[in-house]
Amino acid sequence: FSLDIDGVGVNDVIFQDRQIDPIRGRLVHADLRRFAKGEKIEMTVPIHLIGEAKGLSEEGAVLSQSLREIKVLCEPKNTPDSIDIDVTDLDANHAIHVADLKVGAGIEILESPETLVASIIAVKEEVLEPQLEAGAEPEVVGAEPTEEGKTE
């Protein structure tokens, strides 16, 4: 947004940091950052997964979101509120990486293209056969040892 300061003029600013009163919900303090027109700045943007992935219909399939926010470089006026990813066509044992993300013009993603964003993992329960061991018989206290060296 723009801030008009007497004697300085109009400046384009963004919130760098802000403190909110947890009880009243009011702004207590704000740090503003001034930037020049056309200047690109690094911002952190949340990632939202949209839709019901078709891969979740398989038994034991789970949607895992590995990356919940992403760093981008852009002009403040072009910064999206969030990056929404449609996962409707995502199958089981498939994934979405940063390289698969579509962002608007003028926005550069600063994360590695190979970084995992979300995936559907098929979790299968493994049936284990019970392993019973023949337990040793307890020694009887005060019994006489036999020929084999065991007490009876």
N, C-alpha and C. Protein backbone atom coordinates (compact mmCIF):
# COMPACT_ATOMS: atom_id res chain seq x y z
N PHE A 1 0.84 -1.18 0.00
CA PHE A 1 0.00 0.00 0.00
C PHE A 1 0.88 1.23 0.00
N SER A 2 0.27 2.37 -0.17
CA SER A 2 1.02 3.63 -0.22
C SER A 2 0.84 4.39 1.08
N LEU A 3 1.90 5.04 1.50
CA LEU A 3 1.89 5.81 2.74
C LEU A 3 2.35 7.23 2.41
N ASP A 4 1.51 8.22 2.77
CA ASP A 4 1.83 9.62 2.50
C ASP A 4 2.37 10.25 3.79
N ILE A 5 3.65 10.60 3.78
CA ILE A 5 4.30 11.19 4.95
C ILE A 5 4.58 12.65 4.65
N ASP A 6 4.14 13.52 5.57
CA ASP A 6 4.36 14.96 5.38
C ASP A 6 5.85 15.25 5.26
N GLY A 7 6.22 16.01 4.26
CA GLY A 7 7.60 16.41 4.06
C GLY A 7 8.43 15.39 3.30
N VAL A 8 7.93 14.16 3.17
CA VAL A 8 8.67 13.11 2.46
C VAL A 8 7.97 12.75 1.16
N GLY A 9 6.65 12.70 1.19
CA GLY A 9 5.89 12.35 0.01
C GLY A 9 5.27 10.97 0.13
N VAL A 10 4.80 10.47 -1.00
CA VAL A 10 4.13 9.17 -1.04
C VAL A 10 5.17 8.07 -1.23
N ASN A 11 5.10 7.06 -0.38
CA ASN A 11 6.02 5.91 -0.45
C ASN A 11 5.21 4.62 -0.54
N ASP A 12 5.69 3.71 -1.37
CA ASP A 12 5.10 2.38 -1.42
C ASP A 12 5.74 1.55 -0.31
N VAL A 13 4.91 0.92 0.53
CA VAL A 13 5.41 0.14 1.67
C VAL A 13 4.65 -1.18 1.78
N ILE A 14 5.28 -2.10 2.49
CA ILE A 14 4.62 -3.36 2.85
C ILE A 14 4.90 -3.61 4.33
N PHE A 15 4.11 -4.50 4.94
CA PHE A 15 4.37 -4.90 6.31
C PHE A 15 5.58 -5.82 6.33
N GLN A 16 6.60 -5.45 7.07
CA GLN A 16 7.76 -6.31 7.26
C GLN A 16 7.48 -7.26 8.43
N ASP A 17 6.87 -6.70 9.48
CA ASP A 17 6.52 -7.48 10.66
C ASP A 17 5.40 -6.74 11.37
N ARG A 18 4.56 -7.48 12.08
CA ARG A 18 3.51 -6.83 12.86
C ARG A 18 3.22 -7.65 14.11
N GLN A 19 2.83 -6.95 15.16
CA GLN A 19 2.47 -7.60 16.42
C GLN A 19 1.01 -7.33 16.69
N ILE A 20 0.27 -8.41 16.98
CA ILE A 20 -1.16 -8.31 17.24
C ILE A 20 -1.40 -8.67 18.70
N ASP A 21 -2.23 -7.87 19.39
CA ASP A 21 -2.62 -8.18 20.77
C ASP A 21 -3.45 -9.46 20.74
N PRO A 22 -2.99 -10.52 21.44
CA PRO A 22 -3.69 -11.80 21.36
C PRO A 22 -5.08 -11.79 21.99
N ILE A 23 -5.35 -10.86 22.89
CA ILE A 23 -6.66 -10.81 23.54
C ILE A 23 -7.64 -9.95 22.76
N ARG A 24 -7.22 -8.75 22.42
CA ARG A 24 -8.12 -7.83 21.72
C ARG A 24 -8.08 -7.99 20.20
N GLY A 25 -7.01 -8.60 19.68
CA GLY A 25 -6.90 -8.77 18.24
C GLY A 25 -6.55 -7.48 17.51
N ARG A 26 -6.02 -6.51 18.22
CA ARG A 26 -5.67 -5.22 17.62
C ARG A 26 -4.18 -5.15 17.31
N LEU A 27 -3.85 -4.33 16.33
CA LEU A 27 -2.46 -4.10 15.96
C LEU A 27 -1.76 -3.32 17.07
N VAL A 28 -0.65 -3.86 17.58
CA VAL A 28 0.12 -3.21 18.63
C VAL A 28 1.30 -2.45 18.02
N HIS A 29 1.98 -3.09 17.07
CA HIS A 29 3.18 -2.50 16.47
C HIS A 29 3.33 -3.04 15.06
N ALA A 30 3.85 -2.22 14.17
CA ALA A 30 4.09 -2.65 12.79
C ALA A 30 5.42 -2.09 12.30
N ASP A 31 6.18 -2.95 11.63
CA ASP A 31 7.39 -2.52 10.94
C ASP A 31 7.05 -2.48 9.46
N LEU A 32 7.29 -1.34 8.84
CA LEU A 32 7.01 -1.18 7.42
C LEU A 32 8.33 -1.16 6.65
N ARG A 33 8.28 -1.65 5.43
CA ARG A 33 9.46 -1.62 4.57
C ARG A 33 9.11 -0.82 3.32
N ARG A 34 9.93 0.18 3.06
CA ARG A 34 9.73 1.00 1.87
C ARG A 34 10.49 0.37 0.71
N PHE A 35 9.93 0.43 -0.46
CA PHE A 35 10.61 -0.11 -1.64
C PHE A 35 10.37 0.81 -2.83
N ALA A 36 11.26 0.73 -3.78
CA ALA A 36 11.16 1.55 -4.99
C ALA A 36 10.26 0.86 -6.00
N LYS A 37 9.63 1.64 -6.84
CA LYS A 37 8.79 1.06 -7.89
C LYS A 37 9.63 0.16 -8.77
N GLY A 38 9.11 -1.03 -9.05
CA GLY A 38 9.81 -1.99 -9.89
C GLY A 38 10.78 -2.88 -9.12
N GLU A 39 11.02 -2.57 -7.84
CA GLU A 39 11.94 -3.38 -7.03
C GLU A 39 11.27 -4.71 -6.66
N LYS A 40 12.01 -5.79 -6.83
CA LYS A 40 11.50 -7.11 -6.46
C LYS A 40 12.04 -7.45 -5.07
N ILE A 41 11.17 -8.04 -4.26
CA ILE A 41 11.58 -8.43 -2.91
C ILE A 41 11.22 -9.90 -2.67
N GLU A 42 11.93 -10.50 -1.72
CA GLU A 42 11.68 -11.90 -1.38
C GLU A 42 10.53 -11.97 -0.38
N MET A 43 9.56 -12.83 -0.69
CA MET A 43 8.39 -12.99 0.17
C MET A 43 8.15 -14.48 0.40
N THR A 44 7.52 -14.81 1.51
CA THR A 44 7.11 -16.18 1.79
C THR A 44 5.61 -16.26 1.60
N VAL A 45 5.17 -17.23 0.79
CA VAL A 45 3.76 -17.36 0.43
C VAL A 45 3.28 -18.76 0.83
N PRO A 46 2.09 -18.86 1.47
CA PRO A 46 1.58 -20.18 1.83
C PRO A 46 1.12 -20.97 0.61
N ILE A 47 1.19 -22.30 0.73
CA ILE A 47 0.73 -23.21 -0.32
C ILE A 47 -0.54 -23.89 0.17
N HIS A 48 -1.61 -23.83 -0.63
CA HIS A 48 -2.87 -24.50 -0.29
C HIS A 48 -3.16 -25.58 -1.33
N LEU A 49 -3.51 -26.76 -0.85
CA LEU A 49 -3.91 -27.85 -1.74
C LEU A 49 -5.42 -27.80 -1.90
N ILE A 50 -5.87 -27.84 -3.16
CA ILE A 50 -7.29 -27.70 -3.47
C ILE A 50 -7.78 -29.00 -4.12
N GLY A 51 -8.98 -29.43 -3.74
CA GLY A 51 -9.61 -30.59 -4.37
C GLY A 51 -9.35 -31.88 -3.63
N GLU A 52 -10.04 -32.92 -4.10
CA GLU A 52 -9.91 -34.27 -3.55
C GLU A 52 -9.15 -35.11 -4.56
N ALA A 53 -7.97 -35.54 -4.21
CA ALA A 53 -7.12 -36.31 -5.13
C ALA A 53 -7.76 -37.67 -5.43
N LYS A 54 -7.78 -38.04 -6.72
CA LYS A 54 -8.39 -39.32 -7.09
C LYS A 54 -7.59 -40.50 -6.56
N GLY A 55 -6.32 -40.31 -6.29
CA GLY A 55 -5.49 -41.37 -5.74
C GLY A 55 -5.85 -41.75 -4.32
N LEU A 56 -6.63 -40.89 -3.64
CA LEU A 56 -7.03 -41.19 -2.26
C LEU A 56 -8.13 -42.25 -2.19
N SER A 57 -8.70 -42.61 -3.35
CA SER A 57 -9.75 -43.63 -3.36
C SER A 57 -9.18 -45.03 -3.12
N GLU A 58 -7.88 -45.19 -3.32
CA GLU A 58 -7.25 -46.49 -3.07
C GLU A 58 -7.14 -46.71 -1.56
N GLU A 59 -7.29 -47.95 -1.17
CA GLU A 59 -7.23 -48.29 0.25
C GLU A 59 -5.85 -47.97 0.82
N GLY A 60 -5.82 -47.26 1.92
CA GLY A 60 -4.57 -46.94 2.59
C GLY A 60 -3.82 -45.76 2.01
N ALA A 61 -4.39 -45.07 1.02
CA ALA A 61 -3.71 -43.92 0.41
C ALA A 61 -3.81 -42.70 1.31
N VAL A 62 -2.70 -41.96 1.43
CA VAL A 62 -2.64 -40.79 2.29
C VAL A 62 -1.99 -39.64 1.51
N LEU A 63 -2.58 -38.45 1.61
CA LEU A 63 -2.01 -37.26 0.98
C LEU A 63 -1.07 -36.60 1.98
N SER A 64 0.18 -36.41 1.57
CA SER A 64 1.20 -35.82 2.44
C SER A 64 1.67 -34.51 1.82
N GLN A 65 1.55 -33.41 2.57
CA GLN A 65 2.03 -32.10 2.10
C GLN A 65 3.36 -31.81 2.77
N SER A 66 4.43 -31.88 2.01
CA SER A 66 5.78 -31.70 2.54
C SER A 66 6.19 -30.23 2.65
N LEU A 67 5.65 -29.39 1.79
CA LEU A 67 6.02 -27.98 1.75
C LEU A 67 4.75 -27.15 1.94
N ARG A 68 4.70 -26.36 3.00
CA ARG A 68 3.49 -25.59 3.33
C ARG A 68 3.61 -24.11 2.95
N GLU A 69 4.83 -23.64 2.71
CA GLU A 69 5.03 -22.28 2.23
C GLU A 69 6.27 -22.26 1.35
N ILE A 70 6.33 -21.24 0.50
CA ILE A 70 7.39 -21.19 -0.50
C ILE A 70 7.91 -19.76 -0.62
N LYS A 71 9.20 -19.62 -0.88
CA LYS A 71 9.80 -18.29 -1.05
C LYS A 71 9.73 -17.91 -2.53
N VAL A 72 9.28 -16.68 -2.76
CA VAL A 72 9.19 -16.16 -4.12
C VAL A 72 9.86 -14.79 -4.18
N LEU A 73 10.24 -14.39 -5.38
CA LEU A 73 10.82 -13.08 -5.63
C LEU A 73 9.91 -12.37 -6.62
N CYS A 74 9.36 -11.22 -6.20
CA CYS A 74 8.45 -10.49 -7.08
C CYS A 74 8.24 -9.07 -6.55
N GLU A 75 7.56 -8.27 -7.34
CA GLU A 75 7.17 -6.95 -6.87
C GLU A 75 6.05 -7.15 -5.86
N PRO A 76 6.03 -6.35 -4.80
CA PRO A 76 5.00 -6.53 -3.77
C PRO A 76 3.57 -6.51 -4.31
N LYS A 77 3.31 -5.70 -5.32
CA LYS A 77 1.95 -5.64 -5.86
C LYS A 77 1.56 -6.94 -6.58
N ASN A 78 2.54 -7.76 -6.98
CA ASN A 78 2.25 -9.02 -7.67
C ASN A 78 2.27 -10.23 -6.73
N THR A 79 2.54 -10.01 -5.44
CA THR A 79 2.63 -11.12 -4.50
C THR A 79 1.26 -11.76 -4.30
N PRO A 80 1.14 -13.06 -4.57
CA PRO A 80 -0.15 -13.72 -4.36
C PRO A 80 -0.40 -13.95 -2.86
N ASP A 81 -1.68 -14.00 -2.48
CA ASP A 81 -2.03 -14.31 -1.09
C ASP A 81 -1.61 -15.73 -0.75
N SER A 82 -1.73 -16.62 -1.73
CA SER A 82 -1.32 -18.02 -1.57
C SER A 82 -1.11 -18.61 -2.95
N ILE A 83 -0.44 -19.76 -2.98
CA ILE A 83 -0.32 -20.52 -4.22
C ILE A 83 -1.22 -21.73 -4.06
N ASP A 84 -2.27 -21.78 -4.88
CA ASP A 84 -3.25 -22.86 -4.81
C ASP A 84 -2.89 -23.93 -5.82
N ILE A 85 -2.83 -25.18 -5.34
CA ILE A 85 -2.48 -26.31 -6.20
C ILE A 85 -3.66 -27.27 -6.26
N ASP A 86 -4.15 -27.53 -7.46
CA ASP A 86 -5.25 -28.48 -7.66
C ASP A 86 -4.67 -29.89 -7.67
N VAL A 87 -5.06 -30.70 -6.69
CA VAL A 87 -4.55 -32.07 -6.59
C VAL A 87 -5.56 -33.10 -7.07
N THR A 88 -6.64 -32.67 -7.72
CA THR A 88 -7.71 -33.57 -8.16
C THR A 88 -7.19 -34.71 -9.02
N ASP A 89 -6.26 -34.45 -9.93
CA ASP A 89 -5.76 -35.49 -10.84
C ASP A 89 -4.55 -36.25 -10.30
N LEU A 90 -4.20 -36.05 -9.06
CA LEU A 90 -3.03 -36.71 -8.48
C LEU A 90 -3.35 -38.16 -8.13
N ASP A 91 -2.59 -39.09 -8.72
CA ASP A 91 -2.79 -40.52 -8.49
C ASP A 91 -1.93 -40.99 -7.32
N ALA A 92 -2.25 -42.21 -6.85
CA ALA A 92 -1.46 -42.82 -5.78
C ALA A 92 -0.03 -43.03 -6.26
N ASN A 93 0.90 -42.87 -5.35
CA ASN A 93 2.34 -43.01 -5.61
C ASN A 93 2.86 -42.00 -6.63
N HIS A 94 2.19 -40.85 -6.73
CA HIS A 94 2.65 -39.75 -7.57
C HIS A 94 2.88 -38.53 -6.68
N ALA A 95 3.61 -37.55 -7.22
CA ALA A 95 3.98 -36.39 -6.41
C ALA A 95 3.94 -35.11 -7.24
N ILE A 96 3.89 -33.99 -6.54
CA ILE A 96 4.00 -32.67 -7.14
C ILE A 96 5.28 -32.04 -6.59
N HIS A 97 6.11 -31.54 -7.49
CA HIS A 97 7.36 -30.89 -7.11
C HIS A 97 7.27 -29.40 -7.43
N VAL A 98 8.19 -28.62 -6.92
CA VAL A 98 8.21 -27.18 -7.16
C VAL A 98 8.22 -26.89 -8.66
N ALA A 99 8.92 -27.69 -9.44
CA ALA A 99 8.98 -27.48 -10.89
C ALA A 99 7.60 -27.58 -11.54
N ASP A 100 6.65 -28.27 -10.91
CA ASP A 100 5.30 -28.44 -11.46
C ASP A 100 4.38 -27.26 -11.15
N LEU A 101 4.80 -26.33 -10.30
CA LEU A 101 3.94 -25.23 -9.89
C LEU A 101 3.82 -24.18 -10.99
N LYS A 102 2.61 -23.65 -11.11
CA LYS A 102 2.33 -22.57 -12.06
C LYS A 102 2.09 -21.30 -11.25
N VAL A 103 2.90 -20.28 -11.52
CA VAL A 103 2.73 -18.99 -10.85
C VAL A 103 2.56 -17.90 -11.90
N GLY A 104 2.07 -16.76 -11.47
CA GLY A 104 1.82 -15.67 -12.38
C GLY A 104 3.09 -15.05 -12.95
N ALA A 105 2.89 -14.23 -13.97
CA ALA A 105 4.01 -13.54 -14.60
C ALA A 105 4.65 -12.59 -13.59
N GLY A 106 5.96 -12.49 -13.64
CA GLY A 106 6.68 -11.60 -12.74
C GLY A 106 6.98 -12.21 -11.38
N ILE A 107 6.63 -13.49 -11.19
CA ILE A 107 6.90 -14.17 -9.92
C ILE A 107 7.93 -15.26 -10.17
N GLU A 108 9.02 -15.22 -9.43
CA GLU A 108 10.08 -16.22 -9.54
C GLU A 108 10.13 -17.03 -8.25
N ILE A 109 10.07 -18.36 -8.38
CA ILE A 109 10.15 -19.24 -7.21
C ILE A 109 11.61 -19.44 -6.86
N LEU A 110 11.95 -19.28 -5.58
CA LEU A 110 13.34 -19.37 -5.13
C LEU A 110 13.72 -20.75 -4.59
N GLU A 111 12.77 -21.66 -4.49
CA GLU A 111 13.04 -23.02 -4.00
C GLU A 111 13.63 -23.87 -5.12
N SER A 112 14.30 -24.95 -4.76
CA SER A 112 14.85 -25.89 -5.74
C SER A 112 13.71 -26.57 -6.50
N PRO A 113 13.82 -26.72 -7.83
CA PRO A 113 12.75 -27.34 -8.62
C PRO A 113 12.46 -28.79 -8.21
N GLU A 114 13.42 -29.47 -7.60
CA GLU A 114 13.23 -30.87 -7.20
C GLU A 114 12.53 -31.01 -5.85
N THR A 115 12.31 -29.91 -5.14
CA THR A 115 11.71 -29.98 -3.81
C THR A 115 10.30 -30.53 -3.90
N LEU A 116 10.00 -31.50 -3.04
CA LEU A 116 8.69 -32.14 -3.00
C LEU A 116 7.69 -31.21 -2.32
N VAL A 117 6.53 -31.03 -2.96
CA VAL A 117 5.47 -30.21 -2.39
C VAL A 117 4.42 -31.10 -1.73
N ALA A 118 3.91 -32.08 -2.49
CA ALA A 118 2.88 -32.99 -1.97
C ALA A 118 2.96 -34.31 -2.72
N SER A 119 2.51 -35.37 -2.05
CA SER A 119 2.50 -36.68 -2.69
C SER A 119 1.40 -37.53 -2.07
N ILE A 120 1.01 -38.57 -2.83
CA ILE A 120 0.06 -39.55 -2.31
C ILE A 120 0.83 -40.84 -2.12
N ILE A 121 0.81 -41.30 -0.89
CA ILE A 121 1.55 -42.51 -0.53
C ILE A 121 0.53 -43.59 -0.19
N ALA A 122 0.71 -44.77 -0.79
CA ALA A 122 -0.16 -45.90 -0.46
C ALA A 122 0.45 -46.63 0.72
N VAL A 123 -0.22 -46.57 1.84
CA VAL A 123 0.25 -47.22 3.05
C VAL A 123 -0.45 -48.57 3.16
N LYS A 124 0.34 -49.63 3.17
CA LYS A 124 -0.24 -50.97 3.28
C LYS A 124 0.22 -51.58 4.59
N GLU A 125 -0.73 -52.20 5.25
CA GLU A 125 -0.42 -52.83 6.52
C GLU A 125 0.24 -54.17 6.26
N GLU A 126 1.37 -54.38 6.86
CA GLU A 126 2.10 -55.62 6.68
C GLU A 126 1.68 -56.58 7.79
N VAL A 127 1.27 -57.80 7.38
CA VAL A 127 0.84 -58.80 8.35
C VAL A 127 2.06 -59.60 8.78
N LEU A 128 2.34 -59.56 10.04
CA LEU A 128 3.48 -60.29 10.58
C LEU A 128 2.99 -61.58 11.21
N GLU A 129 3.70 -62.66 10.92
CA GLU A 129 3.36 -63.93 11.54
C GLU A 129 3.91 -63.93 12.95
N PRO A 130 3.13 -64.45 13.88
CA PRO A 130 3.63 -64.47 15.26
C PRO A 130 4.84 -65.38 15.39
N GLN A 131 5.82 -64.91 16.08
CA GLN A 131 7.04 -65.69 16.28
C GLN A 131 7.08 -66.12 17.74
N LEU A 132 6.70 -67.36 17.95
CA LEU A 132 6.68 -67.89 19.31
C LEU A 132 7.96 -68.64 19.57
N GLU A 133 8.58 -68.33 20.65
CA GLU A 133 9.79 -69.03 21.04
C GLU A 133 9.45 -69.93 22.21
N ALA A 134 10.06 -71.08 22.19
CA ALA A 134 9.86 -71.98 23.32
C ALA A 134 10.56 -71.36 24.51
N GLY A 135 9.80 -71.06 25.52
CA GLY A 135 10.37 -70.41 26.69
C GLY A 135 11.10 -71.41 27.57
N ALA A 136 12.14 -70.96 28.19
CA ALA A 136 12.89 -71.82 29.10
C ALA A 136 12.08 -71.99 30.38
N GLU A 137 12.15 -73.16 30.94
CA GLU A 137 11.43 -73.41 32.18
C GLU A 137 12.19 -72.77 33.33
N PRO A 138 11.48 -72.19 34.27
CA PRO A 138 12.15 -71.54 35.39
C PRO A 138 12.81 -72.55 36.32
N GLU A 139 13.90 -72.12 36.93
CA GLU A 139 14.58 -72.98 37.90
C GLU A 139 13.82 -72.99 39.21
N VAL A 140 13.81 -74.13 39.84
CA VAL A 140 13.17 -74.23 41.14
C VAL A 140 14.24 -73.97 42.19
N VAL A 141 14.01 -73.00 43.04
CA VAL A 141 14.98 -72.63 44.06
C VAL A 141 15.04 -73.72 45.12
N GLY A 142 16.25 -74.15 45.43
CA GLY A 142 16.46 -75.15 46.47
C GLY A 142 16.34 -76.58 45.97
N ALA A 143 16.19 -76.80 44.66
CA ALA A 143 16.07 -78.15 44.12
C ALA A 143 17.45 -78.71 43.86
N GLU A 144 17.57 -80.01 43.87
CA GLU A 144 18.83 -80.70 43.62
C GLU A 144 19.12 -80.72 42.13
N PRO A 145 20.38 -80.44 41.68
CA PRO A 145 20.71 -80.52 40.26
C PRO A 145 20.67 -81.97 39.79
N THR A 146 20.21 -82.17 38.55
CA THR A 146 20.15 -83.50 37.95
C THR A 146 21.43 -83.75 37.19
N GLU A 147 21.46 -84.88 36.49
CA GLU A 147 22.65 -85.25 35.72
C GLU A 147 22.96 -84.22 34.64
N GLU A 148 21.95 -83.60 34.06
CA GLU A 148 22.14 -82.64 32.97
C GLU A 148 22.55 -81.26 33.50
N GLY A 149 22.62 -81.07 34.80
CA GLY A 149 23.04 -79.80 35.38
C GLY A 149 21.88 -78.88 35.68
N LYS A 150 20.65 -79.37 35.45
CA LYS A 150 19.48 -78.55 35.71
C LYS A 150 18.90 -78.93 37.06
N THR A 151 18.25 -78.00 37.67
CA THR A 151 17.58 -78.30 38.94
C THR A 151 16.17 -78.76 38.67
N GLU A 152 15.64 -79.58 39.56
CA GLU A 152 14.26 -80.05 39.42
C GLU A 152 13.45 -79.58 40.57
